[in-house]
Protein backbone atom coordinates (compact mmCIF):
# COMPACT_ATOMS: atom_id res chain seq x y z
CA UNK A 1 47.75 37.56 121.05
CA UNK A 2 50.32 38.08 123.80
CA UNK A 3 52.98 38.77 121.20
CA UNK A 4 50.73 41.36 119.54
CA UNK A 5 50.07 43.04 122.91
CA UNK A 6 53.79 43.07 123.64
CA UNK A 7 54.53 44.78 120.33
CA UNK A 8 51.71 47.28 120.89
CA UNK A 9 52.98 48.05 124.40
CA UNK A 10 56.53 48.49 123.12
CA UNK A 11 55.39 50.87 120.42
CA UNK A 12 53.42 52.82 123.03
CA UNK A 13 56.53 53.20 125.20
CA UNK A 14 58.59 54.27 122.20
CA UNK A 15 55.95 56.89 121.40
CA UNK A 16 56.07 58.14 124.99
CA UNK A 17 59.84 58.42 124.75
CA UNK A 18 59.56 60.39 121.53
CA UNK A 19 57.10 62.74 123.20
CA UNK A 20 58.77 63.24 126.56
CA UNK A 21 62.51 62.97 125.87
CA UNK A 22 62.51 66.28 123.91
CA UNK A 23 60.57 67.88 126.78
CA UNK A 24 63.19 66.68 129.26
CA UNK A 25 65.99 67.90 127.00
CA UNK A 26 64.37 71.32 126.68
CA UNK A 27 64.25 71.72 130.46
CA UNK A 28 67.36 69.97 131.83
CA UNK A 29 69.58 69.76 128.71
CA UNK A 30 70.98 66.38 129.70
CA UNK A 31 72.61 65.88 126.28
CA UNK A 32 74.93 68.48 124.76
CA UNK A 33 73.66 69.75 121.40
CA UNK A 34 75.91 71.96 119.28
CA UNK A 35 74.74 75.45 118.42
CA UNK A 36 73.59 76.29 114.93
CA UNK A 37 75.81 78.31 112.63
CA UNK A 38 74.89 81.55 110.92
CA UNK A 39 73.87 84.98 112.13
CA UNK A 40 70.19 84.68 113.06
CA UNK A 41 69.33 85.67 116.61
CA UNK A 42 66.84 83.12 118.04
CA UNK A 43 63.65 84.45 119.68
CA UNK A 44 63.91 85.12 123.41
CA UNK A 45 61.56 83.79 126.05
CA UNK A 46 58.82 86.00 127.44
CA UNK A 47 57.25 86.39 130.88
CA UNK A 48 53.47 86.44 130.96
CA UNK A 49 51.65 89.54 132.17
CA UNK A 50 47.98 90.40 132.08
CA UNK A 51 48.49 93.01 129.36
CA UNK A 52 50.62 90.72 127.16
CA UNK A 53 48.11 87.88 127.56
CA UNK A 54 45.12 90.02 126.62
CA UNK A 55 46.71 91.63 123.56
CA UNK A 56 48.06 88.29 122.29
CA UNK A 57 51.73 89.33 122.33
CA UNK A 58 52.62 86.68 124.91
CA UNK A 59 51.14 83.82 122.89
CA UNK A 60 52.84 84.96 119.67
CA UNK A 61 56.28 85.35 121.23
CA UNK A 62 55.99 82.15 123.27
CA UNK A 63 55.09 80.16 120.16
CA UNK A 64 58.15 81.53 118.34
CA UNK A 65 60.33 80.66 121.32
CA UNK A 66 59.05 77.08 121.68
CA UNK A 67 59.49 76.41 117.95
CA UNK A 68 63.21 77.19 118.22
CA UNK A 69 63.93 75.86 121.74
CA UNK A 70 62.27 72.46 121.99
CA UNK A 71 64.53 69.55 122.94
CA UNK A 72 66.94 68.53 120.18
CA UNK A 73 65.65 71.37 118.01
CA UNK A 74 69.08 71.91 116.47
CA UNK A 75 69.35 68.22 115.56
CA UNK A 76 65.95 68.39 113.87
CA UNK A 77 66.95 71.48 111.89
CA UNK A 78 70.22 69.92 110.78
CA UNK A 79 68.41 66.72 109.74
CA UNK A 80 65.86 68.70 107.70
CA UNK A 81 68.60 70.75 106.02
CA UNK A 82 70.63 67.62 105.27
CA UNK A 83 67.65 65.92 103.61
CA UNK A 84 67.00 69.01 101.46
CA UNK A 85 70.66 69.02 100.43
CA UNK A 86 70.68 65.30 99.57
CA UNK A 87 67.34 65.29 97.77
CA UNK A 88 67.39 68.60 95.91
CA UNK A 89 70.91 70.04 96.29
CA UNK A 90 69.33 73.12 97.84
CA UNK A 91 69.89 75.42 100.80
CA UNK A 92 67.19 75.81 103.45
CA UNK A 93 68.83 78.98 104.79
CA UNK A 94 67.37 82.31 103.74
CA UNK A 95 69.81 84.24 101.56
CA UNK A 96 72.31 81.39 101.22
CA UNK A 97 72.50 80.04 97.68
CA UNK A 98 73.78 76.61 96.68
CA UNK A 99 75.72 76.98 93.43
CA UNK A 100 77.06 74.40 91.03
CA UNK A 101 79.51 71.80 92.37
CA UNK A 102 78.65 72.79 95.97
CA UNK A 103 79.96 76.37 95.68
CA UNK A 104 78.12 78.51 98.23
CA UNK A 105 77.08 82.17 97.88
CA UNK A 106 75.18 84.89 99.72
CA UNK A 107 72.34 86.35 97.67
CA UNK A 108 73.49 89.94 98.32
CA UNK A 109 76.80 89.21 96.55
CA UNK A 110 74.93 87.90 93.51
CA UNK A 111 72.51 90.85 93.49
CA UNK A 112 75.45 93.26 93.60
CA UNK A 113 77.13 91.53 90.66
CA UNK A 114 73.86 91.86 88.73
CA UNK A 115 73.49 95.57 89.51
CA UNK A 116 70.33 95.21 91.57
CA UNK A 117 71.56 97.54 94.35
CA UNK A 118 72.97 100.29 92.12
CA UNK A 119 73.33 103.66 93.85
CA UNK A 120 73.30 105.64 90.60
CA UNK A 121 75.88 107.66 88.67
CA UNK A 122 75.24 110.94 90.49
CA UNK A 123 75.50 109.51 93.99
CA UNK A 124 78.69 107.58 93.25
CA UNK A 125 80.24 110.65 91.62
CA UNK A 126 79.30 112.75 94.66
CA UNK A 127 80.96 110.24 96.99
CA UNK A 128 84.09 110.13 94.85
CA UNK A 129 84.35 113.94 94.97
CA UNK A 130 84.05 113.88 98.76
CA UNK A 131 86.61 111.09 99.05
CA UNK A 132 89.03 113.13 96.92
CA UNK A 133 88.55 116.13 99.21
CA UNK A 134 89.29 113.98 102.26
CA UNK A 135 92.38 112.54 100.57
CA UNK A 136 93.69 116.01 99.68
CA UNK A 137 93.19 117.24 103.24
CA UNK A 138 94.88 114.23 104.82
CA UNK A 139 97.75 114.42 102.34
CA UNK A 140 98.32 118.06 103.29
CA UNK A 141 98.57 116.89 106.90
CA UNK A 142 101.09 114.19 105.98
CA UNK A 143 98.62 111.36 106.45
CA UNK A 144 97.83 108.35 104.28
CA UNK A 145 94.38 107.73 102.80
CA UNK A 146 93.17 105.04 100.41
CA UNK A 147 90.43 102.56 99.54
CA UNK A 148 90.66 98.79 99.47
CA UNK A 149 87.98 97.14 97.32
CA UNK A 150 87.65 93.65 98.78
CA UNK A 151 86.63 90.79 96.47
CA UNK A 152 83.14 89.61 95.61
CA UNK A 153 82.79 85.82 95.44
CA UNK A 154 80.02 86.09 92.86
CA UNK A 155 82.49 87.85 90.54
CA UNK A 156 85.35 85.48 91.26
CA UNK A 157 83.36 82.27 90.85
CA UNK A 158 80.72 83.47 88.39
CA UNK A 159 80.92 80.15 86.51
CA UNK A 160 79.45 78.26 89.49
CA UNK A 161 76.41 80.50 89.94
CA UNK A 162 73.03 78.79 89.46
CA UNK A 163 71.74 79.40 85.94
CA UNK A 164 68.89 81.63 87.15
CA UNK A 165 71.44 84.08 88.62
CA UNK A 166 73.97 84.04 85.77
CA UNK A 167 73.32 87.33 83.96
CA UNK A 168 75.34 88.73 81.01
CA UNK A 169 77.48 91.59 82.34
CA UNK A 170 78.25 93.53 79.16
CA UNK A 171 77.70 97.24 79.87
CA UNK A 172 75.79 96.51 83.08
CA UNK A 173 76.33 99.25 85.67
CA UNK A 174 77.12 98.14 89.19
CA UNK A 175 78.37 100.00 92.24
CA UNK A 176 81.71 98.26 91.82
CA UNK A 177 82.27 98.95 88.12
CA UNK A 178 81.21 102.59 88.35
CA UNK A 179 82.99 103.44 91.61
CA UNK A 180 86.28 101.85 90.55
CA UNK A 181 86.16 104.08 87.44
CA UNK A 182 85.43 107.09 89.66
CA UNK A 183 88.41 106.23 91.88
CA UNK A 184 90.67 106.32 88.82
CA UNK A 185 89.04 109.45 87.37
CA UNK A 186 89.45 111.47 90.57
CA UNK A 187 92.94 110.15 91.32
CA UNK A 188 91.93 108.55 94.60
CA UNK A 189 94.44 106.12 96.06
CA UNK A 190 93.02 102.61 95.98
CA UNK A 191 93.79 98.90 95.77
CA UNK A 192 91.28 96.92 93.72
CA UNK A 193 91.60 93.43 95.22
CA UNK A 194 88.50 92.25 93.36
CA UNK A 195 90.08 92.90 89.96
CA UNK A 196 93.52 91.75 91.14
CA UNK A 197 92.17 88.37 92.21
CA UNK A 198 90.36 87.96 88.88
CA UNK A 199 93.58 88.72 87.00
CA UNK A 200 95.39 85.93 88.92
CA UNK A 201 92.60 83.38 88.84
CA UNK A 202 93.87 81.34 85.88
CA UNK A 203 97.52 81.37 86.96
CA UNK A 204 97.63 81.03 90.75
CA UNK A 205 98.27 77.57 92.15
CA UNK A 206 96.98 78.58 95.59
CA UNK A 207 93.23 79.22 96.05
CA UNK A 208 92.37 82.86 96.74
CA UNK A 209 88.74 81.98 97.43
CA UNK A 210 87.28 78.73 98.75
CA UNK A 211 83.96 77.08 97.83
CA UNK A 212 82.63 77.06 101.41
CA UNK A 213 83.32 80.63 102.54
CA UNK A 214 82.11 84.12 101.63
CA UNK A 215 85.46 85.77 102.46
CA UNK A 216 88.82 85.32 100.78
CA UNK A 217 90.96 82.42 101.98
CA UNK A 218 93.60 82.90 104.65
CA UNK A 219 96.17 83.00 101.86
CA UNK A 220 94.08 85.53 99.94
CA UNK A 221 93.86 87.69 103.06
CA UNK A 222 97.62 87.39 103.53
CA UNK A 223 98.53 88.70 100.09
CA UNK A 224 95.90 91.43 100.50
CA UNK A 225 97.63 92.50 103.72
CA UNK A 226 100.95 92.73 101.88
CA UNK A 227 99.41 95.03 99.26
CA UNK A 228 97.94 97.23 101.99
CA UNK A 229 101.25 97.52 103.85
CA UNK A 230 103.03 98.39 100.60
CA UNK A 231 100.57 101.24 99.99
CA UNK A 232 101.06 102.57 103.53
CA UNK A 233 104.85 102.53 103.06
CA UNK A 234 104.50 104.34 99.73
CA UNK A 235 102.33 107.12 101.12
CA UNK A 236 104.14 107.64 104.42
CA UNK A 237 107.64 107.09 103.08
CA UNK A 238 108.48 104.90 106.09
CA UNK A 239 109.74 101.33 106.48
CA UNK A 240 107.02 99.46 108.38
CA UNK A 241 107.25 95.88 109.76
CA UNK A 242 107.73 93.10 107.22
CA UNK A 243 104.78 90.71 106.91
CA UNK A 244 105.62 87.42 105.22
CA UNK A 245 105.73 83.62 105.41
CA UNK A 246 108.24 80.92 104.59
CA UNK A 247 105.98 77.90 104.88
CA UNK A 248 102.38 77.11 103.93
CA UNK A 249 100.28 74.36 105.51
CA UNK A 250 97.51 72.65 103.54
CA UNK A 251 94.44 71.39 105.35
CA UNK A 252 91.03 69.94 104.45
CA UNK A 253 89.81 70.88 107.95
CA UNK A 254 88.98 74.44 106.99
CA UNK A 255 89.98 77.14 109.47
CA UNK A 256 88.75 80.59 110.37
CA UNK A 257 86.15 81.93 107.96
CA UNK A 258 87.04 79.53 105.15
CA UNK A 259 83.86 77.54 105.84
CA UNK A 260 81.60 80.27 107.26
CA UNK A 261 78.86 79.63 104.68
CA UNK A 262 78.95 75.88 105.17
CA UNK A 263 78.52 76.41 108.92
CA UNK A 264 75.54 78.65 108.19
CA UNK A 265 73.96 75.84 106.09
CA UNK A 266 73.56 73.83 109.32
CA UNK A 267 73.92 70.41 107.74
CA UNK A 268 74.29 67.24 109.78
CA UNK A 269 77.37 66.20 107.76
CA UNK A 270 80.24 68.26 106.36
CA UNK A 271 80.52 68.76 102.61
CA UNK A 272 83.76 67.19 101.29
CA UNK A 273 86.18 69.83 100.03
CA UNK A 274 89.73 70.20 98.78
CA UNK A 275 92.54 71.44 101.03
CA UNK A 276 93.18 75.18 101.38
CA UNK A 277 96.44 76.99 102.12
CA UNK A 278 97.38 78.39 105.54
CA UNK A 279 100.57 80.49 105.60
CA UNK A 280 102.58 80.54 108.82
CA UNK A 281 102.73 84.29 109.30
CA UNK A 282 106.03 85.93 110.31
CA UNK A 283 106.41 89.61 111.22
CA UNK A 284 109.76 91.38 111.47
CA UNK A 285 109.44 94.50 113.65
CA UNK A 286 113.13 95.17 114.26
CA UNK A 287 114.08 98.79 113.54
CA UNK A 288 110.74 99.33 111.81
CA UNK A 289 108.23 102.15 112.10
CA UNK A 290 104.82 101.04 113.38
CA UNK A 291 102.24 103.48 112.00
CA UNK A 292 99.07 104.46 113.80
CA UNK A 293 96.38 103.43 111.32
CA UNK A 294 92.58 103.61 111.46
CA UNK A 295 90.74 101.03 109.37
CA UNK A 296 87.08 101.68 108.56
CA UNK A 297 85.33 98.71 107.08
CA UNK A 298 83.47 95.44 107.02
CA UNK A 299 84.21 91.83 107.94
CA UNK A 300 86.87 91.44 105.24
CA UNK A 301 89.34 93.09 107.62
CA UNK A 302 88.78 90.56 110.40
CA UNK A 303 91.12 87.98 108.89
CA UNK A 304 93.90 90.57 108.94
CA UNK A 305 93.10 91.45 112.54
CA UNK A 306 93.32 87.77 113.45
CA UNK A 307 96.78 87.66 111.87
CA UNK A 308 97.95 90.11 114.54
CA UNK A 309 98.53 93.20 112.43
CA UNK A 310 96.91 95.68 114.86
CA UNK A 311 99.56 95.12 117.52
CA UNK A 312 102.49 93.84 115.43
CA UNK A 313 102.42 95.92 112.24
CA UNK A 314 100.36 98.92 113.37
CA UNK A 315 100.82 100.88 116.57
CA UNK A 316 97.62 99.83 118.33
CA UNK A 317 95.73 100.09 115.06
CA UNK A 318 92.02 100.79 115.41
CA UNK A 319 89.32 98.97 113.45
CA UNK A 320 86.06 100.90 113.15
CA UNK A 321 83.84 97.95 112.35
CA UNK A 322 80.86 99.24 110.32
CA UNK A 323 81.19 102.41 112.44
CA UNK A 324 79.34 100.51 115.18
CA UNK A 325 82.15 99.04 117.25
CA UNK A 326 85.82 99.86 117.73
CA UNK A 327 88.53 97.24 118.17
CA UNK A 328 90.66 96.46 120.08
CA UNK A 329 88.63 96.97 123.23
CA UNK A 330 85.20 96.44 121.66
CA UNK A 331 84.04 99.98 122.41
CA UNK A 332 80.86 101.49 121.09
CA UNK A 333 81.64 103.82 118.18
CA UNK A 334 79.63 106.59 119.86
CA UNK A 335 82.35 106.74 122.53
CA UNK A 336 85.06 107.61 119.99
CA UNK A 337 86.44 111.14 119.84
CA UNK A 338 86.79 111.24 116.06
CA UNK A 339 88.81 114.46 116.08
CA UNK A 340 91.35 113.14 118.55
CA UNK A 341 91.75 109.84 116.74
CA UNK A 342 92.12 111.42 113.29
CA UNK A 343 94.61 113.92 114.66
CA UNK A 344 96.75 111.18 116.20
CA UNK A 345 96.67 108.75 113.28
CA UNK A 346 99.20 108.33 110.48
CA UNK A 347 96.50 107.36 108.05
CA UNK A 348 93.08 105.92 107.30
CA UNK A 349 91.98 103.31 104.82
CA UNK A 350 88.48 102.10 104.00
CA UNK A 351 88.00 98.43 103.13
CA UNK A 352 84.73 96.91 101.93
CA UNK A 353 83.37 94.33 99.56
CA UNK A 354 81.08 95.60 96.74
CA UNK A 355 77.87 94.16 98.31
CA UNK A 356 78.33 96.57 101.22
CA UNK A 357 78.73 99.66 99.06
CA UNK A 358 75.01 100.43 98.83
CA UNK A 359 74.58 100.68 102.59
CA UNK A 360 77.99 101.74 103.89
CA UNK A 361 80.00 103.52 101.19
CA UNK A 362 78.21 106.82 101.83
CA UNK A 363 78.40 106.77 105.65
CA UNK A 364 82.07 105.73 105.65
CA UNK A 365 83.13 108.56 103.31
CA UNK A 366 80.80 111.25 104.61
CA UNK A 367 81.80 110.67 108.22
CA UNK A 368 85.33 111.83 107.30
CA UNK A 369 84.17 114.50 104.86
CA UNK A 370 81.78 116.06 107.36
CA UNK A 371 84.48 116.20 110.01
CA UNK A 372 86.83 118.15 107.75
CA UNK A 373 84.36 120.21 105.71
CA UNK A 374 80.88 120.36 107.24
CA UNK A 375 79.72 123.84 108.23
CA UNK A 376 78.78 122.58 111.67
CA UNK A 377 82.24 121.13 112.17
CA UNK A 378 85.74 122.56 112.19
CA UNK A 379 86.97 123.61 108.77
CA UNK A 380 90.16 122.42 107.11
CA UNK A 381 92.16 125.48 108.18
CA UNK A 382 91.23 124.94 111.83
CA UNK A 383 92.25 121.30 111.66
CA UNK A 384 95.61 122.22 110.14
CA UNK A 385 96.24 124.67 113.00
CA UNK A 386 95.34 122.01 115.57
CA UNK A 387 97.73 119.57 113.90
CA UNK A 388 100.53 122.14 114.12
CA UNK A 389 99.76 122.90 117.75
CA UNK A 390 99.82 119.18 118.59
CA UNK A 391 103.33 118.98 117.14
CA UNK A 392 104.37 121.92 119.34
CA UNK A 393 103.00 120.17 122.44
CA UNK A 394 104.93 116.99 121.67
CA UNK A 395 108.12 118.99 120.99
CA UNK A 396 107.88 121.04 124.22
CA UNK A 397 108.95 118.87 127.17
CA UNK A 398 107.30 120.92 129.94
CA UNK A 399 104.05 121.31 128.00
CA UNK A 400 103.93 117.61 127.16
CA UNK A 401 104.50 116.70 130.82
CA UNK A 402 101.62 118.96 131.89
CA UNK A 403 99.32 117.36 129.31
CA UNK A 404 100.33 113.89 130.54
CA UNK A 405 99.17 114.87 134.03
CA UNK A 406 95.87 116.16 132.62
CA UNK A 407 95.35 112.88 130.78
CA UNK A 408 95.76 110.92 134.03
CA UNK A 409 93.39 113.22 135.92
CA UNK A 410 90.73 113.07 133.18
CA UNK A 411 91.25 109.34 132.56
CA UNK A 412 91.76 109.74 128.80
CA UNK A 413 94.56 108.69 126.48
CA UNK A 414 97.56 110.97 126.01
CA UNK A 415 96.76 111.41 122.30
CA UNK A 416 93.22 112.53 123.08
CA UNK A 417 94.44 114.96 125.74
CA UNK A 418 97.03 116.43 123.36
CA UNK A 419 94.29 116.96 120.80
CA UNK A 420 91.92 118.56 123.32
CA UNK A 421 94.66 120.87 124.63
CA UNK A 422 95.70 121.87 121.12
CA UNK A 423 92.09 122.47 120.08
CA UNK A 424 91.48 124.66 123.14
CA UNK A 425 94.59 126.77 122.50
CA UNK A 426 93.79 127.24 118.80
CA UNK A 427 90.20 128.24 119.58
CA UNK A 428 91.43 130.79 122.14
CA UNK A 429 93.94 132.21 119.65
CA UNK A 430 91.28 132.37 116.93
CA UNK A 431 88.74 134.12 119.15
């Protein structure tokens, strides 16, 4: 009997521990628990008020908060996800698809491949016409302009897609297939990395895409950067810094974004994977021209930013990330003087993966088109006059010195002040 009571008492204490230890952890966080991967923003806590209590908003929000912030919550989530992976080979993360042989995908990339987000022939043709107009205007001003079509993992590794997502392509229209044809038809400068990667897939000995990431590998990003720099040199006719490597490291501990989807899976244990290539980047800047370049695009440019191209290949190159934030400096895009930046730049290129075309292709192109052609904006002739006046300011020592003083007084960059001064003078001459 005593033995039975002892066992019962022990089980009772264990139960108490299971009940109260998570409560202690939630309040004092006495054990460090790693954050979850992915992009979901967890619910925030809420302070009770009479109004929130009576309308039920407090209870709803508090319940959401407790469900995601109880002690050892992240461990519990990882354990659940690990069990689902072991038992069914499935992902418990919304929008993250487990393919064959542990190849991971985002559902939006698969939907794009299958034409489920198609913008339509007319819309894509309209955007191509506007892009051609922008290119012609920038070319007349001596500036570079081109598109970079980043790769789509669902295209590159179509053979590992789950059977329910593997659709015959045939004559299927997608934003990618139609827009790449439009780029050729209208003579718009572009680099089709998606098609380039596919053409090398059976011959390259170095992976361009990894099974655990949604972006190209570090090596894939490196050779993409080389193509981009070659296009800039071609259009500007200038010798820009050399970007290369003499040695490649191989590592099974994936770096950067090479395992971004695996991190988002939030498993308790890592999925075994083969080594990927990591070039040791070298940049030769000696006696080279560093162009001022604006990049408009999505996350496929981040790997290039992390390689140091903004400061080492470009002259303080700006990255307009989804037209929401501007790097370096992490400024809000609303703070950007588009006219001043376009006037000061040597060129612009747009980079995006096909899954982002539905939402961002239009805004990225029309932002530039509207600046140069919209009735409510300055027309092309006015912009050309401003460009010429800016050259005069830079070539006139006394004028340039006066503008430098204005820039200091107004706390703006010299390039922006030159643009504003030139714009003012041209407007006065026109009126």
